[in-house]
C-alpha atoms as a PDB file:
ATOM      1  CA  UNK A   1      -8.675   9.109 -20.694  1.00  0.00           C
ATOM      2  CA  UNK A   2      -5.463   7.156 -20.671  1.00  0.00           C
ATOM      3  CA  UNK A   3      -1.959   8.450 -21.137  1.00  0.00           C
ATOM      4  CA  UNK A   4       0.698   6.067 -22.357  1.00  0.00           C
ATOM      5  CA  UNK A   5       4.244   7.023 -21.568  1.00  0.00           C
ATOM      6  CA  UNK A   6       7.436   5.262 -22.556  1.00  0.00           C
ATOM      7  CA  UNK A   7       9.428   4.727 -19.389  1.00  0.00           C
ATOM      8  CA  UNK A   8      12.919   6.111 -19.166  1.00  0.00           C
ATOM      9  CA  UNK A   9      15.675   4.388 -17.228  1.00  0.00           C
ATOM     10  CA  UNK A  10      15.355   6.849 -14.329  1.00  0.00           C
ATOM     11  CA  UNK A  11      11.586   6.504 -14.356  1.00  0.00           C
ATOM     12  CA  UNK A  12      11.819   2.721 -14.188  1.00  0.00           C
ATOM     13  CA  UNK A  13      14.409   2.925 -11.413  1.00  0.00           C
ATOM     14  CA  UNK A  14      12.354   5.372  -9.336  1.00  0.00           C
ATOM     15  CA  UNK A  15       9.126   3.406  -9.743  1.00  0.00           C
ATOM     16  CA  UNK A  16      10.858   0.094  -8.936  1.00  0.00           C
ATOM     17  CA  UNK A  17      12.354   1.632  -5.801  1.00  0.00           C
ATOM     18  CA  UNK A  18       8.992   3.140  -4.792  1.00  0.00           C
ATOM     19  CA  UNK A  19       7.363  -0.274  -5.204  1.00  0.00           C
ATOM     20  CA  UNK A  20       9.958  -1.846  -2.909  1.00  0.00           C
ATOM     21  CA  UNK A  21       9.420   0.953  -0.395  1.00  0.00           C
ATOM     22  CA  UNK A  22       5.641   0.422  -0.492  1.00  0.00           C
ATOM     23  CA  UNK A  23       6.286  -3.277   0.212  1.00  0.00           C
ATOM     24  CA  UNK A  24       8.482  -2.292   3.163  1.00  0.00           C
ATOM     25  CA  UNK A  25       5.676  -0.085   4.474  1.00  0.00           C
ATOM     26  CA  UNK A  26       3.074  -2.824   3.916  1.00  0.00           C
ATOM     27  CA  UNK A  27       5.317  -5.173   5.900  1.00  0.00           C
ATOM     28  CA  UNK A  28       4.928  -2.919   8.915  1.00  0.00           C
ATOM     29  CA  UNK A  29       8.315  -1.237   8.684  1.00  0.00           C
ATOM     30  CA  UNK A  30       8.760   2.521   8.882  1.00  0.00           C
ATOM     31  CA  UNK A  31      10.153   4.545   6.004  1.00  0.00           C
ATOM     32  CA  UNK A  32      13.039   6.944   6.507  1.00  0.00           C
ATOM     33  CA  UNK A  33      12.313  10.602   5.663  1.00  0.00           C
ATOM     34  CA  UNK A  34      14.212  10.131   2.374  1.00  0.00           C
ATOM     35  CA  UNK A  35      12.219   7.022   1.519  1.00  0.00           C
ATOM     36  CA  UNK A  36       8.928   8.824   2.247  1.00  0.00           C
ATOM     37  CA  UNK A  37       9.991  11.559  -0.193  1.00  0.00           C
ATOM     38  CA  UNK A  38      10.700   8.971  -2.917  1.00  0.00           C
ATOM     39  CA  UNK A  39       7.304   7.325  -2.372  1.00  0.00           C
ATOM     40  CA  UNK A  40       5.463  10.660  -2.575  1.00  0.00           C
ATOM     41  CA  UNK A  41       7.380  11.741  -5.683  1.00  0.00           C
ATOM     42  CA  UNK A  42       6.786   8.445  -7.462  1.00  0.00           C
ATOM     43  CA  UNK A  43       3.080   8.453  -6.525  1.00  0.00           C
ATOM     44  CA  UNK A  44       2.584  11.575  -8.662  1.00  0.00           C
ATOM     45  CA  UNK A  45       3.898   9.745 -11.738  1.00  0.00           C
ATOM     46  CA  UNK A  46       2.198   6.458 -10.818  1.00  0.00           C
ATOM     47  CA  UNK A  47      -1.210   8.149 -10.765  1.00  0.00           C
ATOM     48  CA  UNK A  48      -0.946  11.102 -13.155  1.00  0.00           C
ATOM     49  CA  UNK A  49       0.632   9.267 -16.087  1.00  0.00           C
ATOM     50  CA  UNK A  50      -2.250   6.770 -16.500  1.00  0.00           C
ATOM     51  CA  UNK A  51      -5.163   8.581 -14.805  1.00  0.00           C
ATOM     52  CA  UNK A  52      -4.307  12.263 -14.935  1.00  0.00           C
ATOM     53  CA  UNK A  53      -4.478  14.720 -12.090  1.00  0.00           C
ATOM     54  CA  UNK A  54      -8.127  13.800 -11.591  1.00  0.00           C
ATOM     55  CA  UNK A  55      -7.060  10.244 -10.727  1.00  0.00           C
ATOM     56  CA  UNK A  56      -4.231  11.503  -8.522  1.00  0.00           C
ATOM     57  CA  UNK A  57      -6.559  13.857  -6.635  1.00  0.00           C
ATOM     58  CA  UNK A  58      -9.124  11.060  -6.224  1.00  0.00           C
ATOM     59  CA  UNK A  59      -6.558   8.681  -4.734  1.00  0.00           C
ATOM     60  CA  UNK A  60      -4.359  11.070  -2.730  1.00  0.00           C
ATOM     61  CA  UNK A  61      -5.233  12.231   0.777  1.00  0.00           C
ATOM     62  CA  UNK A  62      -4.876  15.917   1.561  1.00  0.00           C
ATOM     63  CA  UNK A  63      -2.103  15.052   4.024  1.00  0.00           C
ATOM     64  CA  UNK A  64      -0.237  13.299   1.217  1.00  0.00           C
ATOM     65  CA  UNK A  65      -0.755  16.284  -1.108  1.00  0.00           C
ATOM     66  CA  UNK A  66       0.939  18.446   1.548  1.00  0.00           C
ATOM     67  CA  UNK A  67       3.835  15.986   1.979  1.00  0.00           C
ATOM     68  CA  UNK A  68       4.172  15.716  -1.809  1.00  0.00           C
ATOM     69  CA  UNK A  69       4.479  19.501  -2.159  1.00  0.00           C
ATOM     70  CA  UNK A  70       7.305  19.384   0.404  1.00  0.00           C
ATOM     71  CA  UNK A  71       8.942  16.464  -1.429  1.00  0.00           C
ATOM     72  CA  UNK A  72       8.763  18.381  -4.718  1.00  0.00           C
ATOM     73  CA  UNK A  73      10.618  21.246  -3.042  1.00  0.00           C
ATOM     74  CA  UNK A  74      13.319  18.827  -1.842  1.00  0.00           C
ATOM     75  CA  UNK A  75      14.132  17.707  -5.392  1.00  0.00           C
ATOM     76  CA  UNK A  76      13.739  21.131  -6.971  1.00  0.00           C
ATOM     77  CA  UNK A  77      10.724  20.076  -9.050  1.00  0.00           C
ATOM     78  CA  UNK A  78       9.150  23.523  -9.105  1.00  0.00           C
ATOM     79  CA  UNK A  79       7.596  22.773 -12.510  1.00  0.00           C
ATOM     80  CA  UNK A  80       5.717  19.737 -11.161  1.00  0.00           C
ATOM     81  CA  UNK A  81       4.882  21.601  -7.943  1.00  0.00           C
ATOM     82  CA  UNK A  82       3.280  24.347 -10.044  1.00  0.00           C
ATOM     83  CA  UNK A  83       1.146  21.733 -11.843  1.00  0.00           C
ATOM     84  CA  UNK A  84       0.100  20.129  -8.537  1.00  0.00           C
ATOM     85  CA  UNK A  85      -0.805  23.534  -7.072  1.00  0.00           C
ATOM     86  CA  UNK A  86      -2.809  24.396 -10.218  1.00  0.00           C
ATOM     87  CA  UNK A  87      -4.603  21.021 -10.066  1.00  0.00           C
ATOM     88  CA  UNK A  88      -5.680  21.414  -6.432  1.00  0.00           C
ATOM     89  CA  UNK A  89      -6.724  25.037  -7.054  1.00  0.00           C
ATOM     90  CA  UNK A  90      -8.710  24.020 -10.152  1.00  0.00           C
ATOM     91  CA  UNK A  91     -10.734  21.594  -8.052  1.00  0.00           C
ATOM     92  CA  UNK A  92     -10.984  24.005  -5.101  1.00  0.00           C
ATOM     93  CA  UNK A  93      -8.944  21.942  -2.661  1.00  0.00           C
ATOM     94  CA  UNK A  94      -6.891  23.565   0.077  1.00  0.00           C
ATOM     95  CA  UNK A  95      -4.775  20.558   1.098  1.00  0.00           C
ATOM     96  CA  UNK A  96      -4.026  22.087   4.515  1.00  0.00           C
ATOM     97  CA  UNK A  97      -7.705  22.718   5.338  1.00  0.00           C
ATOM     98  CA  UNK A  98      -9.874  20.429   3.190  1.00  0.00           C
ATOM     99  CA  UNK A  99     -10.977  17.104   4.689  1.00  0.00           C
ATOM    100  CA  UNK A 100     -10.557  13.985   2.596  1.00  0.00           C
ATOM    101  CA  UNK A 101     -14.335  13.628   2.421  1.00  0.00           C
ATOM    102  CA  UNK A 102     -14.587  17.188   1.073  1.00  0.00           C
ATOM    103  CA  UNK A 103     -11.731  16.452  -1.372  1.00  0.00           C
ATOM    104  CA  UNK A 104     -13.632  13.445  -2.734  1.00  0.00           C
ATOM    105  CA  UNK A 105     -16.817  15.528  -3.105  1.00  0.00           C
ATOM    106  CA  UNK A 106     -14.942  18.297  -4.903  1.00  0.00           C
ATOM    107  CA  UNK A 107     -13.302  15.849  -7.329  1.00  0.00           C
ATOM    108  CA  UNK A 108     -16.600  14.026  -7.966  1.00  0.00           C
ATOM    109  CA  UNK A 109     -18.465  17.309  -8.510  1.00  0.00           C
ATOM    110  CA  UNK A 110     -15.999  18.928 -10.914  1.00  0.00           C
ATOM    111  CA  UNK A 111     -17.357  20.931 -13.814  1.00  0.00           C
ATOM    112  CA  UNK A 112     -16.484  20.094 -17.401  1.00  0.00           C
ATOM    113  CA  UNK A 113     -14.356  23.251 -17.485  1.00  0.00           C
ATOM    114  CA  UNK A 114     -12.383  22.028 -14.457  1.00  0.00           C
ATOM    115  CA  UNK A 115     -11.897  18.612 -16.091  1.00  0.00           C
ATOM    116  CA  UNK A 116     -10.640  20.295 -19.269  1.00  0.00           C
ATOM    117  CA  UNK A 117      -8.225  22.396 -17.207  1.00  0.00           C
ATOM    118  CA  UNK A 118      -6.925  19.242 -15.493  1.00  0.00           C
ATOM    119  CA  UNK A 119      -6.522  17.558 -18.891  1.00  0.00           C
ATOM    120  CA  UNK A 120      -4.266  20.428 -19.970  1.00  0.00           C
ATOM    121  CA  UNK A 121      -2.228  19.980 -16.777  1.00  0.00           C
ATOM    122  CA  UNK A 122      -1.993  16.235 -17.541  1.00  0.00           C
ATOM    123  CA  UNK A 123      -0.502  17.062 -20.934  1.00  0.00           C
ATOM    124  CA  UNK A 124       1.936  19.490 -19.326  1.00  0.00           C
ATOM    125  CA  UNK A 125       3.000  16.772 -16.859  1.00  0.00           C
ATOM    126  CA  UNK A 126       3.592  14.248 -19.644  1.00  0.00           C
ATOM    127  CA  UNK A 127       5.813  16.819 -21.382  1.00  0.00           C
ATOM    128  CA  UNK A 128       8.096  17.101 -18.328  1.00  0.00           C
ATOM    129  CA  UNK A 129       7.887  13.612 -16.782  1.00  0.00           C
ATOM    130  CA  UNK A 130      11.271  12.472 -18.113  1.00  0.00           C
ATOM    131  CA  UNK A 131      13.103  15.440 -16.595  1.00  0.00           C
ATOM    132  CA  UNK A 132      11.084  15.040 -13.375  1.00  0.00           C
ATOM    133  CA  UNK A 133      12.006  11.374 -13.019  1.00  0.00           C
ATOM    134  CA  UNK A 134      15.641  12.287 -13.680  1.00  0.00           C
ATOM    135  CA  UNK A 135      15.565  14.745 -10.756  1.00  0.00           C
ATOM    136  CA  UNK A 136      13.860  12.129  -8.569  1.00  0.00           C
ATOM    137  CA  UNK A 137      16.592   9.593  -9.375  1.00  0.00           C
ATOM    138  CA  UNK A 138      19.296  12.187  -8.708  1.00  0.00           C
ATOM    139  CA  UNK A 139      17.715  12.680  -5.262  1.00  0.00           C
ATOM    140  CA  UNK A 140      17.868   8.908  -4.666  1.00  0.00           C
ATOM    141  CA  UNK A 141      21.506   8.769  -5.753  1.00  0.00           C
ATOM    142  CA  UNK A 142      22.488  11.652  -3.475  1.00  0.00           C
ATOM    143  CA  UNK A 143      20.586  10.249  -0.453  1.00  0.00           C
ATOM    144  CA  UNK A 144      21.561   6.578  -0.650  1.00  0.00           C
ATOM    145  CA  UNK A 145      22.486   6.463   3.054  1.00  0.00           C
ATOM    146  CA  UNK A 146      18.851   7.197   3.975  1.00  0.00           C
ATOM    147  CA  UNK A 147      17.323   4.705   1.548  1.00  0.00           C
ATOM    148  CA  UNK A 148      17.450   1.051   2.549  1.00  0.00           C
ATOM    149  CA  UNK A 149      15.307  -0.643  -0.121  1.00  0.00           C
END
């Protein structure tokens, strides 16, 4: 299943910044705490918009799920945090206790009912992505001193 989303200005800005931050990380440089938050926040949109929560859960380590939940708190994205929590619960993942190998097995072994539940969460995410990206960009704007890229 593929979701096509028209990008808003804030969405484009956040994803462009996250790409630059990923390049910084790939170049061996360390991200500031604010930059790490931006990367985690953008990763949700980067993966969920085209591949749904199933794709995000397949590609996201449990440690990153935990850091993403914290990042969502930092920007006040309780609506997206609720969707992330529902997605991990649907698949049976406890991000603080599940190993990445177990996470992969749980995602691969999902029931049709679990996939349908994730599809509904995907639709809910698409409905709020514009507002979410706006909050992410507002975080960037208010934390410019901690963001070098």
